[in-house]
Amino acid sequence: ESSSTMWYLAVDPRIRPLVLIWFL
């Protein structure tokens, strides 16, 4: 929906997280 061509790489989150997900 944002782009059919854009792509990403990410590090193993145990080493360094790209995103944080928060819960109550």
PDBML (XML) file of the C-alpha atoms, coordinates in Angstrom:
<?xml version="1.0" encoding="UTF-8" ?>
<PDBx:datablock datablockName="MODEL"
   xmlns:PDBx="http://pdbml.pdb.org/schema/pdbx-v50.xsd"
   xmlns:xsi="http://www.w3.org/2001/XMLSchema-instance"
   xsi:schemaLocation="http://pdbml.pdb.org/schema/pdbx-v50.xsd pdbx-v50.xsd">
   <PDBx:atom_siteCategory>
      <PDBx:atom_site id="1">
         <PDBx:B_iso_or_equiv>0.00</PDBx:B_iso_or_equiv>
         <PDBx:Cartn_x>0.000</PDBx:Cartn_x>
         <PDBx:Cartn_y>0.000</PDBx:Cartn_y>
         <PDBx:Cartn_z>0.000</PDBx:Cartn_z>
         <PDBx:auth_asym_id>A</PDBx:auth_asym_id>
         <PDBx:auth_atom_id>CA</PDBx:auth_atom_id>
         <PDBx:auth_comp_id>GLU</PDBx:auth_comp_id>
         <PDBx:auth_seq_id>1</PDBx:auth_seq_id>
         <PDBx:group_PDB>ATOM</PDBx:group_PDB>
         <PDBx:label_alt_id xsi:nil="true" />
         <PDBx:label_asym_id>A</PDBx:label_asym_id>
         <PDBx:label_atom_id>CA</PDBx:label_atom_id>
         <PDBx:label_comp_id>GLU</PDBx:label_comp_id>
         <PDBx:label_entity_id>1</PDBx:label_entity_id>
         <PDBx:label_seq_id>1</PDBx:label_seq_id>
         <PDBx:occupancy>1.00</PDBx:occupancy>
         <PDBx:pdbx_PDB_model_num>1</PDBx:pdbx_PDB_model_num>
         <PDBx:type_symbol>C</PDBx:type_symbol>
      </PDBx:atom_site>
      <PDBx:atom_site id="2">
         <PDBx:B_iso_or_equiv>0.00</PDBx:B_iso_or_equiv>
         <PDBx:Cartn_x>2.949</PDBx:Cartn_x>
         <PDBx:Cartn_y>2.297</PDBx:Cartn_y>
         <PDBx:Cartn_z>0.626</PDBx:Cartn_z>
         <PDBx:auth_asym_id>A</PDBx:auth_asym_id>
         <PDBx:auth_atom_id>CA</PDBx:auth_atom_id>
         <PDBx:auth_comp_id>SER</PDBx:auth_comp_id>
         <PDBx:auth_seq_id>2</PDBx:auth_seq_id>
         <PDBx:group_PDB>ATOM</PDBx:group_PDB>
         <PDBx:label_alt_id xsi:nil="true" />
         <PDBx:label_asym_id>A</PDBx:label_asym_id>
         <PDBx:label_atom_id>CA</PDBx:label_atom_id>
         <PDBx:label_comp_id>SER</PDBx:label_comp_id>
         <PDBx:label_entity_id>1</PDBx:label_entity_id>
         <PDBx:label_seq_id>2</PDBx:label_seq_id>
         <PDBx:occupancy>1.00</PDBx:occupancy>
         <PDBx:pdbx_PDB_model_num>1</PDBx:pdbx_PDB_model_num>
         <PDBx:type_symbol>C</PDBx:type_symbol>
      </PDBx:atom_site>
      <PDBx:atom_site id="3">
         <PDBx:B_iso_or_equiv>0.00</PDBx:B_iso_or_equiv>
         <PDBx:Cartn_x>5.228</PDBx:Cartn_x>
         <PDBx:Cartn_y>1.105</PDBx:Cartn_y>
         <PDBx:Cartn_z>-2.181</PDBx:Cartn_z>
         <PDBx:auth_asym_id>A</PDBx:auth_asym_id>
         <PDBx:auth_atom_id>CA</PDBx:auth_atom_id>
         <PDBx:auth_comp_id>SER</PDBx:auth_comp_id>
         <PDBx:auth_seq_id>3</PDBx:auth_seq_id>
         <PDBx:group_PDB>ATOM</PDBx:group_PDB>
         <PDBx:label_alt_id xsi:nil="true" />
         <PDBx:label_asym_id>A</PDBx:label_asym_id>
         <PDBx:label_atom_id>CA</PDBx:label_atom_id>
         <PDBx:label_comp_id>SER</PDBx:label_comp_id>
         <PDBx:label_entity_id>1</PDBx:label_entity_id>
         <PDBx:label_seq_id>3</PDBx:label_seq_id>
         <PDBx:occupancy>1.00</PDBx:occupancy>
         <PDBx:pdbx_PDB_model_num>1</PDBx:pdbx_PDB_model_num>
         <PDBx:type_symbol>C</PDBx:type_symbol>
      </PDBx:atom_site>
      <PDBx:atom_site id="4">
         <PDBx:B_iso_or_equiv>0.00</PDBx:B_iso_or_equiv>
         <PDBx:Cartn_x>5.464</PDBx:Cartn_x>
         <PDBx:Cartn_y>-2.051</PDBx:Cartn_y>
         <PDBx:Cartn_z>-4.275</PDBx:Cartn_z>
         <PDBx:auth_asym_id>A</PDBx:auth_asym_id>
         <PDBx:auth_atom_id>CA</PDBx:auth_atom_id>
         <PDBx:auth_comp_id>SER</PDBx:auth_comp_id>
         <PDBx:auth_seq_id>4</PDBx:auth_seq_id>
         <PDBx:group_PDB>ATOM</PDBx:group_PDB>
         <PDBx:label_alt_id xsi:nil="true" />
         <PDBx:label_asym_id>A</PDBx:label_asym_id>
         <PDBx:label_atom_id>CA</PDBx:label_atom_id>
         <PDBx:label_comp_id>SER</PDBx:label_comp_id>
         <PDBx:label_entity_id>1</PDBx:label_entity_id>
         <PDBx:label_seq_id>4</PDBx:label_seq_id>
         <PDBx:occupancy>1.00</PDBx:occupancy>
         <PDBx:pdbx_PDB_model_num>1</PDBx:pdbx_PDB_model_num>
         <PDBx:type_symbol>C</PDBx:type_symbol>
      </PDBx:atom_site>
      <PDBx:atom_site id="5">
         <PDBx:B_iso_or_equiv>0.00</PDBx:B_iso_or_equiv>
         <PDBx:Cartn_x>9.225</PDBx:Cartn_x>
         <PDBx:Cartn_y>-1.545</PDBx:Cartn_y>
         <PDBx:Cartn_z>-4.739</PDBx:Cartn_z>
         <PDBx:auth_asym_id>A</PDBx:auth_asym_id>
         <PDBx:auth_atom_id>CA</PDBx:auth_atom_id>
         <PDBx:auth_comp_id>THR</PDBx:auth_comp_id>
         <PDBx:auth_seq_id>5</PDBx:auth_seq_id>
         <PDBx:group_PDB>ATOM</PDBx:group_PDB>
         <PDBx:label_alt_id xsi:nil="true" />
         <PDBx:label_asym_id>A</PDBx:label_asym_id>
         <PDBx:label_atom_id>CA</PDBx:label_atom_id>
         <PDBx:label_comp_id>THR</PDBx:label_comp_id>
         <PDBx:label_entity_id>1</PDBx:label_entity_id>
         <PDBx:label_seq_id>5</PDBx:label_seq_id>
         <PDBx:occupancy>1.00</PDBx:occupancy>
         <PDBx:pdbx_PDB_model_num>1</PDBx:pdbx_PDB_model_num>
         <PDBx:type_symbol>C</PDBx:type_symbol>
      </PDBx:atom_site>
      <PDBx:atom_site id="6">
         <PDBx:B_iso_or_equiv>0.00</PDBx:B_iso_or_equiv>
         <PDBx:Cartn_x>10.561</PDBx:Cartn_x>
         <PDBx:Cartn_y>-0.347</PDBx:Cartn_y>
         <PDBx:Cartn_z>-1.364</PDBx:Cartn_z>
         <PDBx:auth_asym_id>A</PDBx:auth_asym_id>
         <PDBx:auth_atom_id>CA</PDBx:auth_atom_id>
         <PDBx:auth_comp_id>MET</PDBx:auth_comp_id>
         <PDBx:auth_seq_id>6</PDBx:auth_seq_id>
         <PDBx:group_PDB>ATOM</PDBx:group_PDB>
         <PDBx:label_alt_id xsi:nil="true" />
         <PDBx:label_asym_id>A</PDBx:label_asym_id>
         <PDBx:label_atom_id>CA</PDBx:label_atom_id>
         <PDBx:label_comp_id>MET</PDBx:label_comp_id>
         <PDBx:label_entity_id>1</PDBx:label_entity_id>
         <PDBx:label_seq_id>6</PDBx:label_seq_id>
         <PDBx:occupancy>1.00</PDBx:occupancy>
         <PDBx:pdbx_PDB_model_num>1</PDBx:pdbx_PDB_model_num>
         <PDBx:type_symbol>C</PDBx:type_symbol>
      </PDBx:atom_site>
      <PDBx:atom_site id="7">
         <PDBx:B_iso_or_equiv>0.00</PDBx:B_iso_or_equiv>
         <PDBx:Cartn_x>12.315</PDBx:Cartn_x>
         <PDBx:Cartn_y>-2.955</PDBx:Cartn_y>
         <PDBx:Cartn_z>0.763</PDBx:Cartn_z>
         <PDBx:auth_asym_id>A</PDBx:auth_asym_id>
         <PDBx:auth_atom_id>CA</PDBx:auth_atom_id>
         <PDBx:auth_comp_id>TRP</PDBx:auth_comp_id>
         <PDBx:auth_seq_id>7</PDBx:auth_seq_id>
         <PDBx:group_PDB>ATOM</PDBx:group_PDB>
         <PDBx:label_alt_id xsi:nil="true" />
         <PDBx:label_asym_id>A</PDBx:label_asym_id>
         <PDBx:label_atom_id>CA</PDBx:label_atom_id>
         <PDBx:label_comp_id>TRP</PDBx:label_comp_id>
         <PDBx:label_entity_id>1</PDBx:label_entity_id>
         <PDBx:label_seq_id>7</PDBx:label_seq_id>
         <PDBx:occupancy>1.00</PDBx:occupancy>
         <PDBx:pdbx_PDB_model_num>1</PDBx:pdbx_PDB_model_num>
         <PDBx:type_symbol>C</PDBx:type_symbol>
      </PDBx:atom_site>
      <PDBx:atom_site id="8">
         <PDBx:B_iso_or_equiv>0.00</PDBx:B_iso_or_equiv>
         <PDBx:Cartn_x>14.098</PDBx:Cartn_x>
         <PDBx:Cartn_y>-3.083</PDBx:Cartn_y>
         <PDBx:Cartn_z>4.094</PDBx:Cartn_z>
         <PDBx:auth_asym_id>A</PDBx:auth_asym_id>
         <PDBx:auth_atom_id>CA</PDBx:auth_atom_id>
         <PDBx:auth_comp_id>TYR</PDBx:auth_comp_id>
         <PDBx:auth_seq_id>8</PDBx:auth_seq_id>
         <PDBx:group_PDB>ATOM</PDBx:group_PDB>
         <PDBx:label_alt_id xsi:nil="true" />
         <PDBx:label_asym_id>A</PDBx:label_asym_id>
         <PDBx:label_atom_id>CA</PDBx:label_atom_id>
         <PDBx:label_comp_id>TYR</PDBx:label_comp_id>
         <PDBx:label_entity_id>1</PDBx:label_entity_id>
         <PDBx:label_seq_id>8</PDBx:label_seq_id>
         <PDBx:occupancy>1.00</PDBx:occupancy>
         <PDBx:pdbx_PDB_model_num>1</PDBx:pdbx_PDB_model_num>
         <PDBx:type_symbol>C</PDBx:type_symbol>
      </PDBx:atom_site>
      <PDBx:atom_site id="9">
         <PDBx:B_iso_or_equiv>0.00</PDBx:B_iso_or_equiv>
         <PDBx:Cartn_x>16.781</PDBx:Cartn_x>
         <PDBx:Cartn_y>-4.950</PDBx:Cartn_y>
         <PDBx:Cartn_z>6.012</PDBx:Cartn_z>
         <PDBx:auth_asym_id>A</PDBx:auth_asym_id>
         <PDBx:auth_atom_id>CA</PDBx:auth_atom_id>
         <PDBx:auth_comp_id>LEU</PDBx:auth_comp_id>
         <PDBx:auth_seq_id>9</PDBx:auth_seq_id>
         <PDBx:group_PDB>ATOM</PDBx:group_PDB>
         <PDBx:label_alt_id xsi:nil="true" />
         <PDBx:label_asym_id>A</PDBx:label_asym_id>
         <PDBx:label_atom_id>CA</PDBx:label_atom_id>
         <PDBx:label_comp_id>LEU</PDBx:label_comp_id>
         <PDBx:label_entity_id>1</PDBx:label_entity_id>
         <PDBx:label_seq_id>9</PDBx:label_seq_id>
         <PDBx:occupancy>1.00</PDBx:occupancy>
         <PDBx:pdbx_PDB_model_num>1</PDBx:pdbx_PDB_model_num>
         <PDBx:type_symbol>C</PDBx:type_symbol>
      </PDBx:atom_site>
      <PDBx:atom_site id="10">
         <PDBx:B_iso_or_equiv>0.00</PDBx:B_iso_or_equiv>
         <PDBx:Cartn_x>16.815</PDBx:Cartn_x>
         <PDBx:Cartn_y>-5.318</PDBx:Cartn_y>
         <PDBx:Cartn_z>9.793</PDBx:Cartn_z>
         <PDBx:auth_asym_id>A</PDBx:auth_asym_id>
         <PDBx:auth_atom_id>CA</PDBx:auth_atom_id>
         <PDBx:auth_comp_id>ALA</PDBx:auth_comp_id>
         <PDBx:auth_seq_id>10</PDBx:auth_seq_id>
         <PDBx:group_PDB>ATOM</PDBx:group_PDB>
         <PDBx:label_alt_id xsi:nil="true" />
         <PDBx:label_asym_id>A</PDBx:label_asym_id>
         <PDBx:label_atom_id>CA</PDBx:label_atom_id>
         <PDBx:label_comp_id>ALA</PDBx:label_comp_id>
         <PDBx:label_entity_id>1</PDBx:label_entity_id>
         <PDBx:label_seq_id>10</PDBx:label_seq_id>
         <PDBx:occupancy>1.00</PDBx:occupancy>
         <PDBx:pdbx_PDB_model_num>1</PDBx:pdbx_PDB_model_num>
         <PDBx:type_symbol>C</PDBx:type_symbol>
      </PDBx:atom_site>
      <PDBx:atom_site id="11">
         <PDBx:B_iso_or_equiv>0.00</PDBx:B_iso_or_equiv>
         <PDBx:Cartn_x>19.223</PDBx:Cartn_x>
         <PDBx:Cartn_y>-6.536</PDBx:Cartn_y>
         <PDBx:Cartn_z>12.443</PDBx:Cartn_z>
         <PDBx:auth_asym_id>A</PDBx:auth_asym_id>
         <PDBx:auth_atom_id>CA</PDBx:auth_atom_id>
         <PDBx:auth_comp_id>VAL</PDBx:auth_comp_id>
         <PDBx:auth_seq_id>11</PDBx:auth_seq_id>
         <PDBx:group_PDB>ATOM</PDBx:group_PDB>
         <PDBx:label_alt_id xsi:nil="true" />
         <PDBx:label_asym_id>A</PDBx:label_asym_id>
         <PDBx:label_atom_id>CA</PDBx:label_atom_id>
         <PDBx:label_comp_id>VAL</PDBx:label_comp_id>
         <PDBx:label_entity_id>1</PDBx:label_entity_id>
         <PDBx:label_seq_id>11</PDBx:label_seq_id>
         <PDBx:occupancy>1.00</PDBx:occupancy>
         <PDBx:pdbx_PDB_model_num>1</PDBx:pdbx_PDB_model_num>
         <PDBx:type_symbol>C</PDBx:type_symbol>
      </PDBx:atom_site>
      <PDBx:atom_site id="12">
         <PDBx:B_iso_or_equiv>0.00</PDBx:B_iso_or_equiv>
         <PDBx:Cartn_x>18.319</PDBx:Cartn_x>
         <PDBx:Cartn_y>-9.401</PDBx:Cartn_y>
         <PDBx:Cartn_z>14.766</PDBx:Cartn_z>
         <PDBx:auth_asym_id>A</PDBx:auth_asym_id>
         <PDBx:auth_atom_id>CA</PDBx:auth_atom_id>
         <PDBx:auth_comp_id>ASP</PDBx:auth_comp_id>
         <PDBx:auth_seq_id>12</PDBx:auth_seq_id>
         <PDBx:group_PDB>ATOM</PDBx:group_PDB>
         <PDBx:label_alt_id xsi:nil="true" />
         <PDBx:label_asym_id>A</PDBx:label_asym_id>
         <PDBx:label_atom_id>CA</PDBx:label_atom_id>
         <PDBx:label_comp_id>ASP</PDBx:label_comp_id>
         <PDBx:label_entity_id>1</PDBx:label_entity_id>
         <PDBx:label_seq_id>12</PDBx:label_seq_id>
         <PDBx:occupancy>1.00</PDBx:occupancy>
         <PDBx:pdbx_PDB_model_num>1</PDBx:pdbx_PDB_model_num>
         <PDBx:type_symbol>C</PDBx:type_symbol>
      </PDBx:atom_site>
      <PDBx:atom_site id="13">
         <PDBx:B_iso_or_equiv>0.00</PDBx:B_iso_or_equiv>
         <PDBx:Cartn_x>16.244</PDBx:Cartn_x>
         <PDBx:Cartn_y>-7.504</PDBx:Cartn_y>
         <PDBx:Cartn_z>17.383</PDBx:Cartn_z>
         <PDBx:auth_asym_id>A</PDBx:auth_asym_id>
         <PDBx:auth_atom_id>CA</PDBx:auth_atom_id>
         <PDBx:auth_comp_id>PRO</PDBx:auth_comp_id>
         <PDBx:auth_seq_id>13</PDBx:auth_seq_id>
         <PDBx:group_PDB>ATOM</PDBx:group_PDB>
         <PDBx:label_alt_id xsi:nil="true" />
         <PDBx:label_asym_id>A</PDBx:label_asym_id>
         <PDBx:label_atom_id>CA</PDBx:label_atom_id>
         <PDBx:label_comp_id>PRO</PDBx:label_comp_id>
         <PDBx:label_entity_id>1</PDBx:label_entity_id>
         <PDBx:label_seq_id>13</PDBx:label_seq_id>
         <PDBx:occupancy>1.00</PDBx:occupancy>
         <PDBx:pdbx_PDB_model_num>1</PDBx:pdbx_PDB_model_num>
         <PDBx:type_symbol>C</PDBx:type_symbol>
      </PDBx:atom_site>
      <PDBx:atom_site id="14">
         <PDBx:B_iso_or_equiv>0.00</PDBx:B_iso_or_equiv>
         <PDBx:Cartn_x>18.027</PDBx:Cartn_x>
         <PDBx:Cartn_y>-9.312</PDBx:Cartn_y>
         <PDBx:Cartn_z>20.215</PDBx:Cartn_z>
         <PDBx:auth_asym_id>A</PDBx:auth_asym_id>
         <PDBx:auth_atom_id>CA</PDBx:auth_atom_id>
         <PDBx:auth_comp_id>ARG</PDBx:auth_comp_id>
         <PDBx:auth_seq_id>14</PDBx:auth_seq_id>
         <PDBx:group_PDB>ATOM</PDBx:group_PDB>
         <PDBx:label_alt_id xsi:nil="true" />
         <PDBx:label_asym_id>A</PDBx:label_asym_id>
         <PDBx:label_atom_id>CA</PDBx:label_atom_id>
         <PDBx:label_comp_id>ARG</PDBx:label_comp_id>
         <PDBx:label_entity_id>1</PDBx:label_entity_id>
         <PDBx:label_seq_id>14</PDBx:label_seq_id>
         <PDBx:occupancy>1.00</PDBx:occupancy>
         <PDBx:pdbx_PDB_model_num>1</PDBx:pdbx_PDB_model_num>
         <PDBx:type_symbol>C</PDBx:type_symbol>
      </PDBx:atom_site>
      <PDBx:atom_site id="15">
         <PDBx:B_iso_or_equiv>0.00</PDBx:B_iso_or_equiv>
         <PDBx:Cartn_x>21.124</PDBx:Cartn_x>
         <PDBx:Cartn_y>-7.384</PDBx:Cartn_y>
         <PDBx:Cartn_z>19.168</PDBx:Cartn_z>
         <PDBx:auth_asym_id>A</PDBx:auth_asym_id>
         <PDBx:auth_atom_id>CA</PDBx:auth_atom_id>
         <PDBx:auth_comp_id>ILE</PDBx:auth_comp_id>
         <PDBx:auth_seq_id>15</PDBx:auth_seq_id>
         <PDBx:group_PDB>ATOM</PDBx:group_PDB>
         <PDBx:label_alt_id xsi:nil="true" />
         <PDBx:label_asym_id>A</PDBx:label_asym_id>
         <PDBx:label_atom_id>CA</PDBx:label_atom_id>
         <PDBx:label_comp_id>ILE</PDBx:label_comp_id>
         <PDBx:label_entity_id>1</PDBx:label_entity_id>
         <PDBx:label_seq_id>15</PDBx:label_seq_id>
         <PDBx:occupancy>1.00</PDBx:occupancy>
         <PDBx:pdbx_PDB_model_num>1</PDBx:pdbx_PDB_model_num>
         <PDBx:type_symbol>C</PDBx:type_symbol>
      </PDBx:atom_site>
      <PDBx:atom_site id="16">
         <PDBx:B_iso_or_equiv>0.00</PDBx:B_iso_or_equiv>
         <PDBx:Cartn_x>19.475</PDBx:Cartn_x>
         <PDBx:Cartn_y>-4.077</PDBx:Cartn_y>
         <PDBx:Cartn_z>18.309</PDBx:Cartn_z>
         <PDBx:auth_asym_id>A</PDBx:auth_asym_id>
         <PDBx:auth_atom_id>CA</PDBx:auth_atom_id>
         <PDBx:auth_comp_id>ARG</PDBx:auth_comp_id>
         <PDBx:auth_seq_id>16</PDBx:auth_seq_id>
         <PDBx:group_PDB>ATOM</PDBx:group_PDB>
         <PDBx:label_alt_id xsi:nil="true" />
         <PDBx:label_asym_id>A</PDBx:label_asym_id>
         <PDBx:label_atom_id>CA</PDBx:label_atom_id>
         <PDBx:label_comp_id>ARG</PDBx:label_comp_id>
         <PDBx:label_entity_id>1</PDBx:label_entity_id>
         <PDBx:label_seq_id>16</PDBx:label_seq_id>
         <PDBx:occupancy>1.00</PDBx:occupancy>
         <PDBx:pdbx_PDB_model_num>1</PDBx:pdbx_PDB_model_num>
         <PDBx:type_symbol>C</PDBx:type_symbol>
      </PDBx:atom_site>
      <PDBx:atom_site id="17">
         <PDBx:B_iso_or_equiv>0.00</PDBx:B_iso_or_equiv>
         <PDBx:Cartn_x>15.725</PDBx:Cartn_x>
         <PDBx:Cartn_y>-3.598</PDBx:Cartn_y>
         <PDBx:Cartn_z>17.733</PDBx:Cartn_z>
         <PDBx:auth_asym_id>A</PDBx:auth_asym_id>
         <PDBx:auth_atom_id>CA</PDBx:auth_atom_id>
         <PDBx:auth_comp_id>PRO</PDBx:auth_comp_id>
         <PDBx:auth_seq_id>17</PDBx:auth_seq_id>
         <PDBx:group_PDB>ATOM</PDBx:group_PDB>
         <PDBx:label_alt_id xsi:nil="true" />
         <PDBx:label_asym_id>A</PDBx:label_asym_id>
         <PDBx:label_atom_id>CA</PDBx:label_atom_id>
         <PDBx:label_comp_id>PRO</PDBx:label_comp_id>
         <PDBx:label_entity_id>1</PDBx:label_entity_id>
         <PDBx:label_seq_id>17</PDBx:label_seq_id>
         <PDBx:occupancy>1.00</PDBx:occupancy>
         <PDBx:pdbx_PDB_model_num>1</PDBx:pdbx_PDB_model_num>
         <PDBx:type_symbol>C</PDBx:type_symbol>
      </PDBx:atom_site>
      <PDBx:atom_site id="18">
         <PDBx:B_iso_or_equiv>0.00</PDBx:B_iso_or_equiv>
         <PDBx:Cartn_x>14.470</PDBx:Cartn_x>
         <PDBx:Cartn_y>-1.477</PDBx:Cartn_y>
         <PDBx:Cartn_z>14.863</PDBx:Cartn_z>
         <PDBx:auth_asym_id>A</PDBx:auth_asym_id>
         <PDBx:auth_atom_id>CA</PDBx:auth_atom_id>
         <PDBx:auth_comp_id>LEU</PDBx:auth_comp_id>
         <PDBx:auth_seq_id>18</PDBx:auth_seq_id>
         <PDBx:group_PDB>ATOM</PDBx:group_PDB>
         <PDBx:label_alt_id xsi:nil="true" />
         <PDBx:label_asym_id>A</PDBx:label_asym_id>
         <PDBx:label_atom_id>CA</PDBx:label_atom_id>
         <PDBx:label_comp_id>LEU</PDBx:label_comp_id>
         <PDBx:label_entity_id>1</PDBx:label_entity_id>
         <PDBx:label_seq_id>18</PDBx:label_seq_id>
         <PDBx:occupancy>1.00</PDBx:occupancy>
         <PDBx:pdbx_PDB_model_num>1</PDBx:pdbx_PDB_model_num>
         <PDBx:type_symbol>C</PDBx:type_symbol>
      </PDBx:atom_site>
      <PDBx:atom_site id="19">
         <PDBx:B_iso_or_equiv>0.00</PDBx:B_iso_or_equiv>
         <PDBx:Cartn_x>11.007</PDBx:Cartn_x>
         <PDBx:Cartn_y>-1.128</PDBx:Cartn_y>
         <PDBx:Cartn_z>16.425</PDBx:Cartn_z>
         <PDBx:auth_asym_id>A</PDBx:auth_asym_id>
         <PDBx:auth_atom_id>CA</PDBx:auth_atom_id>
         <PDBx:auth_comp_id>VAL</PDBx:auth_comp_id>
         <PDBx:auth_seq_id>19</PDBx:auth_seq_id>
         <PDBx:group_PDB>ATOM</PDBx:group_PDB>
         <PDBx:label_alt_id xsi:nil="true" />
         <PDBx:label_asym_id>A</PDBx:label_asym_id>
         <PDBx:label_atom_id>CA</PDBx:label_atom_id>
         <PDBx:label_comp_id>VAL</PDBx:label_comp_id>
         <PDBx:label_entity_id>1</PDBx:label_entity_id>
         <PDBx:label_seq_id>19</PDBx:label_seq_id>
         <PDBx:occupancy>1.00</PDBx:occupancy>
         <PDBx:pdbx_PDB_model_num>1</PDBx:pdbx_PDB_model_num>
         <PDBx:type_symbol>C</PDBx:type_symbol>
      </PDBx:atom_site>
      <PDBx:atom_site id="20">
         <PDBx:B_iso_or_equiv>0.00</PDBx:B_iso_or_equiv>
         <PDBx:Cartn_x>9.609</PDBx:Cartn_x>
         <PDBx:Cartn_y>-1.233</PDBx:Cartn_y>
         <PDBx:Cartn_z>19.969</PDBx:Cartn_z>
         <PDBx:auth_asym_id>A</PDBx:auth_asym_id>
         <PDBx:auth_atom_id>CA</PDBx:auth_atom_id>
         <PDBx:auth_comp_id>LEU</PDBx:auth_comp_id>
         <PDBx:auth_seq_id>20</PDBx:auth_seq_id>
         <PDBx:group_PDB>ATOM</PDBx:group_PDB>
         <PDBx:label_alt_id xsi:nil="true" />
         <PDBx:label_asym_id>A</PDBx:label_asym_id>
         <PDBx:label_atom_id>CA</PDBx:label_atom_id>
         <PDBx:label_comp_id>LEU</PDBx:label_comp_id>
         <PDBx:label_entity_id>1</PDBx:label_entity_id>
         <PDBx:label_seq_id>20</PDBx:label_seq_id>
         <PDBx:occupancy>1.00</PDBx:occupancy>
         <PDBx:pdbx_PDB_model_num>1</PDBx:pdbx_PDB_model_num>
         <PDBx:type_symbol>C</PDBx:type_symbol>
      </PDBx:atom_site>
      <PDBx:atom_site id="21">
         <PDBx:B_iso_or_equiv>0.00</PDBx:B_iso_or_equiv>
         <PDBx:Cartn_x>6.102</PDBx:Cartn_x>
         <PDBx:Cartn_y>-2.588</PDBx:Cartn_y>
         <PDBx:Cartn_z>20.609</PDBx:Cartn_z>
         <PDBx:auth_asym_id>A</PDBx:auth_asym_id>
         <PDBx:auth_atom_id>CA</PDBx:auth_atom_id>
         <PDBx:auth_comp_id>ILE</PDBx:auth_comp_id>
         <PDBx:auth_seq_id>21</PDBx:auth_seq_id>
         <PDBx:group_PDB>ATOM</PDBx:group_PDB>
         <PDBx:label_alt_id xsi:nil="true" />
         <PDBx:label_asym_id>A</PDBx:label_asym_id>
         <PDBx:label_atom_id>CA</PDBx:label_atom_id>
         <PDBx:label_comp_id>ILE</PDBx:label_comp_id>
         <PDBx:label_entity_id>1</PDBx:label_entity_id>
         <PDBx:label_seq_id>21</PDBx:label_seq_id>
         <PDBx:occupancy>1.00</PDBx:occupancy>
         <PDBx:pdbx_PDB_model_num>1</PDBx:pdbx_PDB_model_num>
         <PDBx:type_symbol>C</PDBx:type_symbol>
      </PDBx:atom_site>
      <PDBx:atom_site id="22">
         <PDBx:B_iso_or_equiv>0.00</PDBx:B_iso_or_equiv>
         <PDBx:Cartn_x>4.512</PDBx:Cartn_x>
         <PDBx:Cartn_y>-1.406</PDBx:Cartn_y>
         <PDBx:Cartn_z>23.846</PDBx:Cartn_z>
         <PDBx:auth_asym_id>A</PDBx:auth_asym_id>
         <PDBx:auth_atom_id>CA</PDBx:auth_atom_id>
         <PDBx:auth_comp_id>TRP</PDBx:auth_comp_id>
         <PDBx:auth_seq_id>22</PDBx:auth_seq_id>
         <PDBx:group_PDB>ATOM</PDBx:group_PDB>
         <PDBx:label_alt_id xsi:nil="true" />
         <PDBx:label_asym_id>A</PDBx:label_asym_id>
         <PDBx:label_atom_id>CA</PDBx:label_atom_id>
         <PDBx:label_comp_id>TRP</PDBx:label_comp_id>
         <PDBx:label_entity_id>1</PDBx:label_entity_id>
         <PDBx:label_seq_id>22</PDBx:label_seq_id>
         <PDBx:occupancy>1.00</PDBx:occupancy>
         <PDBx:pdbx_PDB_model_num>1</PDBx:pdbx_PDB_model_num>
         <PDBx:type_symbol>C</PDBx:type_symbol>
      </PDBx:atom_site>
      <PDBx:atom_site id="23">
         <PDBx:B_iso_or_equiv>0.00</PDBx:B_iso_or_equiv>
         <PDBx:Cartn_x>1.828</PDBx:Cartn_x>
         <PDBx:Cartn_y>-3.094</PDBx:Cartn_y>
         <PDBx:Cartn_z>25.965</PDBx:Cartn_z>
         <PDBx:auth_asym_id>A</PDBx:auth_asym_id>
         <PDBx:auth_atom_id>CA</PDBx:auth_atom_id>
         <PDBx:auth_comp_id>PHE</PDBx:auth_comp_id>
         <PDBx:auth_seq_id>23</PDBx:auth_seq_id>
         <PDBx:group_PDB>ATOM</PDBx:group_PDB>
         <PDBx:label_alt_id xsi:nil="true" />
         <PDBx:label_asym_id>A</PDBx:label_asym_id>
         <PDBx:label_atom_id>CA</PDBx:label_atom_id>
         <PDBx:label_comp_id>PHE</PDBx:label_comp_id>
         <PDBx:label_entity_id>1</PDBx:label_entity_id>
         <PDBx:label_seq_id>23</PDBx:label_seq_id>
         <PDBx:occupancy>1.00</PDBx:occupancy>
         <PDBx:pdbx_PDB_model_num>1</PDBx:pdbx_PDB_model_num>
         <PDBx:type_symbol>C</PDBx:type_symbol>
      </PDBx:atom_site>
      <PDBx:atom_site id="24">
         <PDBx:B_iso_or_equiv>0.00</PDBx:B_iso_or_equiv>
         <PDBx:Cartn_x>0.057</PDBx:Cartn_x>
         <PDBx:Cartn_y>-2.003</PDBx:Cartn_y>
         <PDBx:Cartn_z>29.124</PDBx:Cartn_z>
         <PDBx:auth_asym_id>A</PDBx:auth_asym_id>
         <PDBx:auth_atom_id>CA</PDBx:auth_atom_id>
         <PDBx:auth_comp_id>LEU</PDBx:auth_comp_id>
         <PDBx:auth_seq_id>24</PDBx:auth_seq_id>
         <PDBx:group_PDB>ATOM</PDBx:group_PDB>
         <PDBx:label_alt_id xsi:nil="true" />
         <PDBx:label_asym_id>A</PDBx:label_asym_id>
         <PDBx:label_atom_id>CA</PDBx:label_atom_id>
         <PDBx:label_comp_id>LEU</PDBx:label_comp_id>
         <PDBx:label_entity_id>1</PDBx:label_entity_id>
         <PDBx:label_seq_id>24</PDBx:label_seq_id>
         <PDBx:occupancy>1.00</PDBx:occupancy>
         <PDBx:pdbx_PDB_model_num>1</PDBx:pdbx_PDB_model_num>
         <PDBx:type_symbol>C</PDBx:type_symbol>
      </PDBx:atom_site>
   </PDBx:atom_siteCategory>
</PDBx:datablock>
